[in-house]
Amino acid sequence: MFTEAKVNPTRIAISLEYDGSRYRGWQAQKHDAQVVQTEVEKALSKIADETVSVTCAGRTDSGVHASSQICHFDTVASRDPYNWVMGVNTQLPKDISVSWVHQVNPEFHARFGALSRQYVYLIRVSSSRSALMHKSVTFTHKHLDPQLMAEAGRYLIGTHDFDAYRSAQCQAKTSVRTLSRLSLHQHDGLIAVHVEANGFLQNMVRNIIGVLSAVGAGEAPASWAKQVLESKDRTEGGVTAPPHGLYFLGPTYDERFGLPETVRIPQIAKDILRTDPLECVA
């Protein structure tokens, strides 16, 4: 009797770029199709000719962008990287695209294997808003002092309980995170806050920006960032900054996986991140 041999699935890693403006975040919710994950899985499933489920490195919130969201999925489909990229991109909406595809060892995990994750938040200081950039940066008419913002940021560097800097709806089991980088850059009317940590809580970056912005505007002393941190109370913090100024730059992984570049700077942020940073050193 002939028995058809089973084909073992292959694990594939992909890098995605997306404009989060019209999406309710990354993760698929029940009865909610307007999320990035749904669009990606639908496109991959069509090209693979089988149902594909993806796991991502970091779940971005509603309206947040990504320049290098790393995901993995398992499939028995056999496609070369070029055909994966070209095929899937023909099935994706224009505000989502695949940058690269790479076959990985089965032990690779996009979420749990990430050593760190990086974000950048862009603020445009101007007396008038821009019609062309309203979905890509956050605008403020207030004068912001980056030096004061950097001074406040130094209280957040290191391992802390960031309970006061996460959303009340955050379901993470622990709010302890290690923030290894918080630097500010200023160029041509733009302020960029570049952060890196071993993981981020829901709305953590946007709540940090809310506090730093209040300090930069002279509405609170730099030490307020520390007071909020030590309170472990979200109501002690400032407003949550808007989502459209936030970009997920990507995660980092052990070199043994041989992945292509996993942290990518979006074009809009390249010039400002080349400037000398105001480092927040603990």
Protein backbone atom coordinates (compact mmCIF):
# COMPACT_ATOMS: atom_id res chain seq x y z
CA MET A 1 0.00 0.00 0.00
CA PHE A 2 1.42 3.36 -1.02
CA THR A 3 1.70 5.99 1.76
CA GLU A 4 2.34 9.56 0.78
CA ALA A 5 5.39 10.96 2.58
CA LYS A 6 4.72 13.89 4.87
CA VAL A 7 6.51 17.11 4.10
CA ASN A 8 7.98 18.82 7.12
CA PRO A 9 7.11 22.52 7.32
CA THR A 10 9.78 25.15 6.83
CA ARG A 11 10.08 28.17 9.11
CA ILE A 12 10.22 31.47 7.26
CA ALA A 13 11.11 34.93 8.66
CA ILE A 14 9.87 38.08 6.93
CA SER A 15 10.35 41.81 7.38
CA LEU A 16 7.33 44.10 6.95
CA GLU A 17 6.99 47.82 6.49
CA TYR A 18 3.61 49.48 7.05
CA ASP A 19 1.83 52.76 7.50
CA GLY A 20 -0.43 52.15 10.48
CA SER A 21 -2.67 55.16 9.89
CA ARG A 22 -5.79 53.27 8.86
CA TYR A 23 -5.29 50.15 11.00
CA ARG A 24 -6.41 49.32 14.52
CA GLY A 25 -2.98 47.97 15.31
CA TRP A 26 -1.13 44.77 14.47
CA GLN A 27 -3.03 42.03 16.23
CA ALA A 28 -6.17 40.43 14.87
CA GLN A 29 -9.18 40.85 17.13
CA LYS A 30 -12.42 38.91 17.01
CA HIS A 31 -14.66 40.24 14.22
CA ASP A 32 -12.05 42.91 13.40
CA ALA A 33 -10.49 42.76 9.94
CA GLN A 34 -8.94 46.24 9.95
CA VAL A 35 -5.61 45.15 11.45
CA VAL A 36 -2.22 44.57 9.85
CA GLN A 37 -1.99 40.91 10.87
CA THR A 38 -5.17 39.99 9.00
CA GLU A 39 -3.93 41.56 5.77
CA VAL A 40 -0.54 39.85 6.02
CA GLU A 41 -1.94 36.41 6.80
CA LYS A 42 -4.47 36.68 3.98
CA ALA A 43 -1.75 37.57 1.45
CA LEU A 44 0.67 34.87 2.64
CA SER A 45 -2.06 32.22 2.62
CA LYS A 46 -2.93 33.00 -0.99
CA ILE A 47 0.68 32.71 -2.18
CA ALA A 48 1.37 29.60 -0.04
CA ASP A 49 -1.95 28.04 -1.11
CA GLU A 50 -2.57 27.07 2.51
CA THR A 51 -3.64 28.77 5.72
CA VAL A 52 -0.74 30.73 7.20
CA SER A 53 -0.53 32.18 10.73
CA VAL A 54 2.22 34.63 11.63
CA THR A 55 3.95 35.54 14.87
CA CYS A 56 5.40 39.05 15.10
CA ALA A 57 8.24 40.61 17.10
CA GLY A 58 6.16 43.41 18.60
CA ARG A 59 2.45 44.20 18.53
CA THR A 60 2.06 47.79 17.43
CA ASP A 61 -0.94 49.83 18.61
CA SER A 62 -3.61 51.49 16.52
CA GLY A 63 -2.13 54.12 14.17
CA VAL A 64 1.52 53.17 14.85
CA HIS A 65 3.88 52.58 11.91
CA ALA A 66 6.66 50.03 11.37
CA SER A 67 9.75 50.11 9.19
CA SER A 68 10.88 46.57 10.07
CA GLN A 69 8.30 44.38 11.75
CA ILE A 70 9.80 40.89 11.86
CA CYS A 71 7.49 37.87 11.74
CA HIS A 72 7.80 34.14 11.29
CA PHE A 73 5.50 31.45 9.96
CA ASP A 74 5.66 27.75 9.15
CA THR A 75 4.70 26.41 5.74
CA VAL A 76 5.08 23.36 3.49
CA ALA A 77 4.97 25.62 0.43
CA SER A 78 8.20 25.82 -1.54
CA ARG A 79 8.96 29.30 -2.87
CA ASP A 80 12.25 31.11 -3.33
CA PRO A 81 12.68 34.41 -1.44
CA TYR A 82 12.18 36.54 -4.57
CA ASN A 83 8.86 34.91 -5.39
CA TRP A 84 7.69 35.16 -1.80
CA VAL A 85 8.38 38.90 -1.75
CA MET A 86 6.98 39.68 -5.19
CA GLY A 87 3.98 37.40 -4.82
CA VAL A 88 2.92 38.53 -1.36
CA ASN A 89 3.36 42.22 -2.22
CA THR A 90 0.93 41.84 -5.12
CA GLN A 91 -1.69 40.69 -2.60
CA LEU A 92 -1.07 43.35 0.05
CA PRO A 93 -2.62 46.83 0.20
CA LYS A 94 -0.28 49.66 -0.77
CA ASP A 95 0.36 50.69 2.86
CA ILE A 96 1.90 47.30 3.76
CA SER A 97 4.88 45.68 2.06
CA VAL A 98 7.35 42.81 2.53
CA SER A 99 11.00 43.93 2.48
CA TRP A 100 12.67 40.52 2.61
CA VAL A 101 12.04 36.82 3.21
CA HIS A 102 14.56 34.45 4.79
CA GLN A 103 14.41 30.76 5.66
CA VAL A 104 15.42 30.21 9.29
CA ASN A 105 16.19 27.46 11.73
CA PRO A 106 13.03 26.01 13.34
CA GLU A 107 14.21 27.31 16.73
CA PHE A 108 13.91 30.91 15.55
CA HIS A 109 11.01 32.78 17.19
CA ALA A 110 10.20 36.32 16.12
CA ARG A 111 8.79 37.34 19.50
CA PHE A 112 10.61 35.31 22.15
CA GLY A 113 13.93 35.32 20.31
CA ALA A 114 14.17 39.11 20.14
CA LEU A 115 17.03 40.45 22.28
CA SER A 116 15.79 44.04 22.11
CA ARG A 117 13.34 46.26 20.23
CA GLN A 118 13.71 49.84 18.99
CA TYR A 119 11.26 52.67 18.34
CA VAL A 120 11.58 56.28 17.26
CA TYR A 121 9.02 58.99 17.96
CA LEU A 122 8.95 62.09 15.74
CA ILE A 123 7.70 65.50 16.91
CA ARG A 124 7.41 68.50 14.63
CA VAL A 125 7.65 71.82 16.48
CA SER A 126 5.86 74.42 14.37
CA SER A 127 3.39 77.27 14.64
CA SER A 128 1.28 75.63 11.93
CA ARG A 129 0.44 72.04 11.11
CA SER A 130 1.42 70.37 7.86
CA ALA A 131 -1.21 68.92 5.55
CA LEU A 132 1.36 66.55 4.05
CA MET A 133 2.84 65.19 7.29
CA HIS A 134 -0.19 64.95 9.55
CA LYS A 135 -0.12 61.13 9.54
CA SER A 136 3.65 60.74 9.84
CA VAL A 137 4.71 63.05 12.72
CA THR A 138 3.13 64.58 15.80
CA PHE A 139 2.79 68.36 15.69
CA THR A 140 3.02 70.78 18.59
CA HIS A 141 3.04 74.57 18.68
CA LYS A 142 4.75 74.51 22.08
CA HIS A 143 8.47 75.22 22.31
CA LEU A 144 10.20 72.02 23.46
CA ASP A 145 13.66 72.01 25.02
CA PRO A 146 15.39 68.75 23.99
CA GLN A 147 18.03 69.22 26.69
CA LEU A 148 15.34 69.21 29.40
CA MET A 149 13.70 66.20 27.78
CA ALA A 150 17.03 64.35 27.79
CA GLU A 151 17.54 65.27 31.44
CA ALA A 152 14.15 63.76 32.29
CA GLY A 153 14.86 60.70 30.19
CA ARG A 154 17.94 59.74 32.18
CA TYR A 155 15.69 58.74 35.10
CA LEU A 156 14.13 56.05 32.91
CA ILE A 157 17.32 54.36 31.72
CA GLY A 158 17.93 50.95 33.28
CA THR A 159 15.71 48.24 34.75
CA HIS A 160 12.55 49.59 36.36
CA ASP A 161 8.91 48.82 37.02
CA PHE A 162 7.20 50.83 34.26
CA ASP A 163 3.69 50.26 35.59
CA ALA A 164 2.99 54.03 35.55
CA TYR A 165 4.03 54.20 31.90
CA ARG A 166 1.74 51.52 30.51
CA SER A 167 -1.87 51.50 29.44
CA ALA A 168 -4.50 50.57 32.00
CA GLN A 169 -5.57 47.86 29.52
CA CYS A 170 -2.08 46.32 29.29
CA GLN A 171 -2.24 42.60 30.05
CA ALA A 172 1.50 41.91 30.45
CA LYS A 173 2.17 39.76 33.51
CA THR A 174 5.04 41.97 34.65
CA SER A 175 5.71 45.65 34.05
CA VAL A 176 9.46 45.40 34.69
CA ARG A 177 11.48 46.29 31.61
CA THR A 178 15.09 47.29 30.86
CA LEU A 179 15.41 50.50 28.86
CA SER A 180 18.93 50.46 27.41
CA ARG A 181 18.70 53.53 25.16
CA LEU A 182 16.87 56.84 25.29
CA SER A 183 18.41 59.54 23.14
CA LEU A 184 17.09 62.75 21.61
CA HIS A 185 17.97 64.30 18.26
CA GLN A 186 17.00 67.70 16.88
CA HIS A 187 17.18 68.81 13.25
CA ASP A 188 15.26 71.23 11.04
CA GLY A 189 12.29 71.65 13.37
CA LEU A 190 12.03 67.95 14.18
CA ILE A 191 12.71 66.24 17.50
CA ALA A 192 13.26 62.49 17.49
CA VAL A 193 13.21 60.32 20.61
CA HIS A 194 15.01 57.01 19.97
CA VAL A 195 14.39 54.23 22.50
CA GLU A 196 15.54 50.65 22.86
CA ALA A 197 14.53 48.07 25.46
CA ASN A 198 14.28 44.32 25.96
CA GLY A 199 10.52 44.77 25.60
CA PHE A 200 7.81 47.41 25.70
CA LEU A 201 4.45 47.56 27.45
CA GLN A 202 1.25 48.73 25.79
CA ASN A 203 1.49 52.50 25.14
CA MET A 204 4.80 52.61 27.06
CA VAL A 205 6.67 54.68 24.47
CA ARG A 206 3.77 57.08 23.93
CA ASN A 207 3.38 57.60 27.69
CA ILE A 208 7.11 58.28 28.02
CA ILE A 209 6.80 60.86 25.23
CA GLY A 210 3.86 62.46 27.04
CA VAL A 211 5.99 62.99 30.14
CA LEU A 212 9.10 64.15 28.25
CA SER A 213 7.03 66.60 26.20
CA ALA A 214 5.54 68.17 29.34
CA VAL A 215 9.05 68.56 30.76
CA GLY A 216 10.36 69.96 27.48
CA ALA A 217 7.54 72.52 27.43
CA GLY A 218 8.45 73.70 30.94
CA GLU A 219 5.22 72.36 32.45
CA ALA A 220 7.04 70.05 34.88
CA PRO A 221 10.59 69.59 36.20
CA ALA A 222 12.82 66.85 34.81
CA SER A 223 12.50 64.96 38.11
CA TRP A 224 8.80 64.46 37.38
CA ALA A 225 9.74 61.54 35.10
CA LYS A 226 11.23 59.83 38.16
CA GLN A 227 8.25 60.69 40.35
CA VAL A 228 5.87 59.14 37.84
CA LEU A 229 8.07 56.04 37.58
CA GLU A 230 8.22 55.54 41.34
CA SER A 231 4.47 56.09 41.79
CA LYS A 232 3.63 52.94 39.77
CA ASP A 233 0.34 54.71 39.08
CA ARG A 234 -0.71 55.51 35.51
CA THR A 235 -2.91 58.40 36.70
CA GLU A 236 0.22 60.19 37.95
CA GLY A 237 1.61 60.42 34.43
CA GLY A 238 0.92 62.82 31.60
CA VAL A 239 -1.17 62.46 28.49
CA THR A 240 -0.54 59.63 26.06
CA ALA A 241 1.16 61.03 22.95
CA PRO A 242 -0.63 60.48 19.62
CA PRO A 243 0.21 57.25 17.74
CA HIS A 244 1.07 58.67 14.32
CA GLY A 245 4.52 59.95 15.36
CA LEU A 246 5.65 56.48 16.47
CA TYR A 247 7.65 54.03 14.35
CA PHE A 248 8.69 50.49 15.27
CA LEU A 249 12.24 50.25 13.88
CA GLY A 250 12.52 46.54 14.54
CA PRO A 251 14.05 43.95 16.87
CA THR A 252 17.56 42.54 17.21
CA TYR A 253 18.39 38.82 17.24
CA ASP A 254 21.34 36.55 17.83
CA GLU A 255 23.68 36.63 14.82
CA ARG A 256 23.51 32.85 14.47
CA PHE A 257 20.17 33.18 12.70
CA GLY A 258 21.86 35.05 9.85
CA LEU A 259 18.96 37.41 9.24
CA PRO A 260 19.23 40.40 6.90
CA GLU A 261 19.04 43.85 8.49
CA THR A 262 16.30 43.74 11.14
CA VAL A 263 16.42 47.35 12.37
CA ARG A 264 15.60 49.83 9.61
CA ILE A 265 15.30 53.61 9.81
CA PRO A 266 12.36 55.06 7.84
CA GLN A 267 13.30 57.71 5.29
CA ILE A 268 11.51 60.44 7.22
CA ALA A 269 13.80 59.87 10.24
CA LYS A 270 17.15 59.24 8.55
CA ASP A 271 18.46 62.80 8.51
CA ILE A 272 17.55 63.57 12.10
CA LEU A 273 18.97 60.32 13.49
CA ARG A 274 22.30 61.11 11.83
CA THR A 275 22.69 64.17 14.07
CA ASP A 276 24.59 63.98 17.35
CA PRO A 277 22.25 62.63 20.03
CA LEU A 278 21.54 64.05 23.45
CA GLU A 279 22.19 60.80 25.34
CA CYS A 280 20.26 60.12 28.50
CA VAL A 281 22.85 58.39 30.64
CA ALA A 282 21.75 56.99 33.97
